[in-house]
């Protein structure tokens, strides 16, 4: 997670305050509907699905909280709003006429949520438990990426998806963002490492029988990061930007 004051995060939060902006156009075609398929099973039934291409964004059975997380690149604990954000489900289908980068898709989703859910929000700064990602005592164990190409962090299904990450052409700050959810708190890159790297992060060797108690994940991941990457996760309390929902409607406006 980027530290407080990062320019991109500031712009993202600012756009939420003022809603739809002429500098952040909407999608060419978009559909936003409540998903009631699992209504008889109660709120939160079924998996969420998020797929994107350079010309489209498809979110099926997603909580609005999940859509906000993707749009603003946040974690659960950085969103403050009504409880139903984590229970009600929605289907969002959006298309572009021409390809755009992922960051542009995120900005356009911010715009779409403001338009269809009448979303109004603001940013606040709070001191929260976090982890500083620093270089360990013996130095980093990382292979620099050669050449360009897209950054990729791919979960490998050994023994189940997420136990191994294949990482290509990726910065340490991107890795910090990725593992924040597993650590249960924001991970801030304080390594000072500016290059991009290729590596595999495998936690399966620390899980006897392949059965993982989620409460054990932060300790296991910390051990894997230090032993395999030469980096260290250190608990800290740091100022973080929080997205506070001032207004949001549960039923989106018609397509």
Protein backbone atom coordinates (compact mmCIF):
# COMPACT_ATOMS: atom_id res chain seq x y z
CA UNK A 1 0.00 0.00 0.00
CA UNK A 2 1.35 3.39 -0.94
CA UNK A 3 2.14 5.66 2.01
CA UNK A 4 0.10 8.74 2.75
CA UNK A 5 0.59 11.58 0.28
CA UNK A 6 1.11 9.46 -2.82
CA UNK A 7 -0.06 11.48 -5.81
CA UNK A 8 -2.11 8.75 -7.47
CA UNK A 9 -4.02 7.97 -4.29
CA UNK A 10 -4.69 11.66 -3.71
CA UNK A 11 -6.17 12.04 -7.18
CA UNK A 12 -8.27 8.92 -6.74
CA UNK A 13 -9.75 10.14 -3.46
CA UNK A 14 -10.28 13.63 -4.85
CA UNK A 15 -12.32 12.23 -7.75
CA UNK A 16 -14.63 10.51 -5.26
CA UNK A 17 -15.36 13.77 -3.47
CA UNK A 18 -16.59 15.52 -6.58
CA UNK A 19 -18.21 12.57 -8.32
CA UNK A 20 -18.20 12.35 -12.07
CA UNK A 21 -15.59 14.51 -13.77
CA UNK A 22 -15.13 15.57 -17.37
CA UNK A 23 -11.50 14.50 -17.08
CA UNK A 24 -12.56 10.97 -16.18
CA UNK A 25 -14.98 9.78 -18.89
CA UNK A 26 -17.44 6.94 -18.36
CA UNK A 27 -17.42 3.64 -20.22
CA UNK A 28 -18.89 3.55 -23.71
CA UNK A 29 -21.40 0.89 -22.60
CA UNK A 30 -22.13 -0.12 -19.00
CA UNK A 31 -24.67 -2.25 -17.12
CA UNK A 32 -24.98 -2.27 -13.31
CA UNK A 33 -27.57 -4.56 -11.70
CA UNK A 34 -28.27 -6.14 -8.34
CA UNK A 35 -27.46 -9.87 -8.27
CA UNK A 36 -30.24 -11.80 -6.51
CA UNK A 37 -29.38 -15.32 -7.73
CA UNK A 38 -28.36 -16.45 -4.27
CA UNK A 39 -31.05 -14.52 -2.40
CA UNK A 40 -32.55 -17.66 -0.83
CA UNK A 41 -29.14 -18.62 0.52
CA UNK A 42 -28.78 -15.28 2.29
CA UNK A 43 -26.39 -12.35 1.72
CA UNK A 44 -22.89 -13.17 0.63
CA UNK A 45 -23.75 -16.45 -1.11
CA UNK A 46 -21.43 -17.59 -3.90
CA UNK A 47 -18.00 -16.50 -5.18
CA UNK A 48 -17.09 -13.12 -6.61
CA UNK A 49 -15.58 -12.86 -10.09
CA UNK A 50 -13.56 -9.97 -11.57
CA UNK A 51 -12.20 -10.12 -15.12
CA UNK A 52 -10.76 -7.33 -17.20
CA UNK A 53 -9.32 -6.84 -20.66
CA UNK A 54 -7.96 -3.63 -22.24
CA UNK A 55 -11.49 -2.96 -23.57
CA UNK A 56 -13.78 -4.40 -20.88
CA UNK A 57 -14.45 -4.91 -17.18
CA UNK A 58 -16.68 -7.72 -15.91
CA UNK A 59 -17.61 -8.04 -12.23
CA UNK A 60 -20.07 -10.78 -11.33
CA UNK A 61 -21.69 -11.33 -7.93
CA UNK A 62 -19.40 -8.73 -6.34
CA UNK A 63 -19.98 -6.83 -3.12
CA UNK A 64 -19.90 -3.07 -3.60
CA UNK A 65 -17.04 -3.07 -1.10
CA UNK A 66 -15.06 -5.28 -3.52
CA UNK A 67 -15.81 -2.96 -6.44
CA UNK A 68 -14.56 0.00 -4.39
CA UNK A 69 -11.41 -1.89 -3.43
CA UNK A 70 -10.65 -2.61 -7.09
CA UNK A 71 -11.48 0.90 -8.26
CA UNK A 72 -9.36 2.67 -5.62
CA UNK A 73 -6.75 -0.06 -4.96
CA UNK A 74 -7.63 -0.30 -1.27
CA UNK A 75 -7.96 -2.99 1.38
CA UNK A 76 -11.07 -3.80 3.47
CA UNK A 77 -9.87 -1.86 6.49
CA UNK A 78 -9.44 1.30 4.37
CA UNK A 79 -13.16 1.60 3.55
CA UNK A 80 -15.62 2.97 6.12
CA UNK A 81 -19.31 2.78 5.19
CA UNK A 82 -22.64 1.01 5.76
CA UNK A 83 -22.63 -2.70 6.61
CA UNK A 84 -24.49 -3.68 3.42
CA UNK A 85 -21.41 -2.77 1.35
CA UNK A 86 -20.10 -6.22 2.35
CA UNK A 87 -23.32 -8.18 1.84
CA UNK A 88 -25.36 -6.97 -1.17
CA UNK A 89 -24.15 -8.33 -4.53
CA UNK A 90 -24.01 -6.74 -7.98
CA UNK A 91 -23.15 -7.52 -11.62
CA UNK A 92 -21.17 -4.87 -13.46
CA UNK A 93 -20.46 -5.15 -17.19
CA UNK A 94 -18.60 -2.31 -18.91
CA UNK A 95 -17.01 -1.94 -22.35
CA UNK A 96 -14.73 0.47 -24.18
CA UNK A 97 -14.45 1.11 -27.89
CA UNK A 98 -10.65 1.34 -27.71
CA UNK A 99 -8.08 -0.32 -25.40
CA UNK A 100 -7.04 1.54 -22.25
CA UNK A 101 -4.51 0.77 -19.47
CA UNK A 102 -5.72 -0.86 -16.24
CA UNK A 103 -5.34 2.42 -14.33
CA UNK A 104 -7.78 4.03 -16.75
CA UNK A 105 -10.26 1.17 -16.22
CA UNK A 106 -10.04 1.82 -12.48
CA UNK A 107 -10.69 5.55 -12.94
CA UNK A 108 -13.66 4.85 -15.16
CA UNK A 109 -15.07 2.41 -12.61
CA UNK A 110 -14.77 5.16 -9.95
CA UNK A 111 -16.82 7.35 -12.26
CA UNK A 112 -19.39 4.62 -12.92
CA UNK A 113 -19.91 3.93 -9.20
CA UNK A 114 -20.36 7.66 -8.52
CA UNK A 115 -22.95 7.85 -11.29
CA UNK A 116 -25.00 4.71 -10.67
CA UNK A 117 -24.83 4.52 -6.85
CA UNK A 118 -24.84 8.30 -6.23
CA UNK A 119 -21.59 7.71 -4.39
CA UNK A 120 -20.12 10.56 -2.36
CA UNK A 121 -17.08 10.07 -0.15
CA UNK A 122 -14.05 11.78 1.28
CA UNK A 123 -10.62 10.84 2.56
CA UNK A 124 -9.34 10.87 6.11
CA UNK A 125 -6.02 9.97 7.64
CA UNK A 126 -5.89 7.48 10.51
CA UNK A 127 -3.01 5.79 12.29
CA UNK A 128 -3.53 2.05 11.78
CA UNK A 129 -1.60 -1.16 12.45
CA UNK A 130 0.54 -1.93 9.40
CA UNK A 131 3.69 -3.73 8.28
CA UNK A 132 6.85 -2.09 6.96
CA UNK A 133 8.56 -4.19 4.28
CA UNK A 134 12.31 -3.67 4.73
CA UNK A 135 15.53 -5.35 3.62
CA UNK A 136 16.54 -8.16 5.99
CA UNK A 137 19.91 -8.33 7.75
CA UNK A 138 21.67 -10.45 5.08
CA UNK A 139 20.35 -8.41 2.13
CA UNK A 140 17.82 -9.14 -0.63
CA UNK A 141 17.70 -12.45 -2.52
CA UNK A 142 16.17 -11.15 -5.72
CA UNK A 143 16.76 -11.54 -9.45
CA UNK A 144 16.46 -8.30 -11.42
CA UNK A 145 14.08 -8.46 -14.36
CA UNK A 146 15.75 -7.92 -17.75
CA UNK A 147 13.90 -6.00 -20.44
CA UNK A 148 10.39 -4.62 -20.33
CA UNK A 149 7.03 -6.31 -20.39
CA UNK A 150 3.91 -6.35 -18.27
CA UNK A 151 4.14 -6.94 -14.55
CA UNK A 152 2.51 -10.23 -13.52
CA UNK A 153 1.81 -11.86 -10.16
CA UNK A 154 0.25 -15.24 -10.88
CA UNK A 155 -1.18 -17.56 -8.20
CA UNK A 156 -0.14 -21.16 -8.86
CA UNK A 157 -2.41 -23.98 -7.70
CA UNK A 158 0.11 -25.93 -5.62
CA UNK A 159 -1.40 -27.35 -3.39
CA UNK A 160 -4.15 -24.78 -3.89
CA UNK A 161 -4.34 -21.36 -5.58
CA UNK A 162 -2.45 -18.65 -3.71
CA UNK A 163 0.03 -20.92 -1.91
CA UNK A 164 2.63 -20.11 -4.58
CA UNK A 165 3.07 -16.82 -6.46
CA UNK A 166 5.02 -16.62 -9.72
CA UNK A 167 6.19 -13.01 -9.98
CA UNK A 168 7.55 -11.42 -13.18
CA UNK A 169 8.83 -7.88 -13.86
CA UNK A 170 7.33 -6.63 -10.61
CA UNK A 171 8.38 -3.89 -8.21
CA UNK A 172 8.59 -4.44 -4.46
CA UNK A 173 5.86 -1.85 -3.93
CA UNK A 174 3.57 -3.94 -6.15
CA UNK A 175 4.40 -7.01 -4.09
CA UNK A 176 3.62 -5.06 -0.91
CA UNK A 177 0.21 -4.12 -2.30
CA UNK A 178 -0.49 -7.74 -3.25
CA UNK A 179 0.30 -9.30 0.13
CA UNK A 180 -1.50 -6.66 2.22
CA UNK A 181 -4.74 -8.64 2.19
CA UNK A 182 -3.03 -11.82 3.39
CA UNK A 183 -1.28 -9.96 6.20
CA UNK A 184 -4.55 -8.45 7.44
CA UNK A 185 -3.05 -4.94 7.42
CA UNK A 186 -1.45 -2.57 4.96
CA UNK A 187 2.09 -3.45 3.85
CA UNK A 188 4.22 -0.42 3.00
CA UNK A 189 7.38 -0.78 0.89
CA UNK A 190 10.26 0.76 2.85
CA UNK A 191 13.03 -1.30 1.21
CA UNK A 192 14.34 1.50 -1.00
CA UNK A 193 14.60 -1.04 -3.85
CA UNK A 194 13.62 0.61 -7.14
CA UNK A 195 14.18 -2.17 -9.69
CA UNK A 196 11.74 -4.79 -10.96
CA UNK A 197 12.27 -8.44 -10.16
CA UNK A 198 11.43 -12.03 -11.12
CA UNK A 199 10.91 -14.58 -8.34
CA UNK A 200 8.70 -17.32 -6.94
CA UNK A 201 7.24 -16.99 -3.45
CA UNK A 202 6.24 -20.43 -2.20
CA UNK A 203 4.51 -20.83 1.17
CA UNK A 204 3.37 -24.41 0.61
CA UNK A 205 6.53 -25.78 2.27
CA UNK A 206 5.47 -24.14 5.55
CA UNK A 207 2.00 -25.75 5.57
CA UNK A 208 2.07 -29.40 6.72
CA UNK A 209 -0.52 -31.41 4.82
CA UNK A 210 -1.55 -28.39 2.78
CA UNK A 211 -4.18 -27.34 5.34
CA UNK A 212 -3.89 -23.67 6.29
CA UNK A 213 -5.53 -21.91 9.22
CA UNK A 214 -6.11 -18.33 7.95
CA UNK A 215 -4.95 -16.97 11.32
CA UNK A 216 -1.53 -18.50 10.65
CA UNK A 217 -1.07 -16.80 7.27
CA UNK A 218 0.67 -13.57 8.47
CA UNK A 219 3.34 -15.53 10.36
CA UNK A 220 3.88 -18.01 7.53
CA UNK A 221 4.04 -15.29 4.89
CA UNK A 222 6.51 -13.28 6.99
CA UNK A 223 8.76 -16.32 7.27
CA UNK A 224 8.57 -17.04 3.53
CA UNK A 225 9.33 -13.44 2.56
CA UNK A 226 12.39 -13.32 4.80
CA UNK A 227 13.83 -16.73 3.91
CA UNK A 228 13.11 -16.66 0.17
CA UNK A 229 13.35 -12.96 -0.72
CA UNK A 230 15.69 -11.56 1.92
CA UNK A 231 13.06 -9.05 3.02
CA UNK A 232 11.41 -8.56 6.39
CA UNK A 233 7.90 -7.61 7.50
CA UNK A 234 8.02 -5.43 10.61
CA UNK A 235 4.84 -4.44 12.53
CA UNK A 236 4.33 -0.67 12.77
CA UNK A 237 1.61 1.90 13.24
CA UNK A 238 1.47 4.20 10.23
CA UNK A 239 -0.80 6.98 8.94
CA UNK A 240 -3.10 5.59 6.23
CA UNK A 241 -5.67 7.12 3.91
CA UNK A 242 -9.20 5.93 4.63
CA UNK A 243 -12.11 6.16 2.20
CA UNK A 244 -15.17 7.34 4.17
CA UNK A 245 -18.52 6.82 2.43
CA UNK A 246 -20.73 9.88 2.99
CA UNK A 247 -23.56 8.79 0.74
CA UNK A 248 -24.32 5.71 -1.35
CA UNK A 249 -27.56 4.17 -2.61
CA UNK A 250 -28.16 0.44 -2.28
CA UNK A 251 -30.11 0.16 -5.55
CA UNK A 252 -28.18 1.43 -8.60
CA UNK A 253 -29.89 3.67 -11.13
CA UNK A 254 -31.34 2.00 -14.20
CA UNK A 255 -29.07 1.16 -17.13
